[in-house]
């Protein structure tokens, strides 16, 4: 995949994530926060089961799940935590505030993951440009979430 396509797909995915919390929050007002997160994951799981059934390997490859390290199995837990927190926090921070703090958290942990080569990712040095990027991001977050 080209870098341009990857960037465009990433922007599209970011747009979807930006819409997810307000949509789930609205559902949460009708059925409850944890119930809304549960329904969100139920619908997502159903879609993924259909897609997985038709892609290379089908659902049979799930039989190889034991080959993965233990920490590779907690992604769904992290996703459930994020969705639940996001659908509640968006009510206070708004979509832009939630997105700003989420991106700041993502970038901060990603820099640490890169720096120390955690979770199977190759080590990457933290240069001055990354530090400046983090500082600018924090400044941006403060501007977005301040009252």
Foldseek 3Di string as FASTA:
>chain_A
DDPVVVVVVVVVVLVVVLPLQQVLLVVCVVPNLLVSLVVVVVVVVVVVLVVQQPDPPRPVCVVCVVVDPPVVPCPVVVVSVVNSVSNVCCVPQPSQLSSLVVVLVVLVVVLVCQCVVPPVRHHDNCDPVSVVVSVVSVVVSCVRRPD
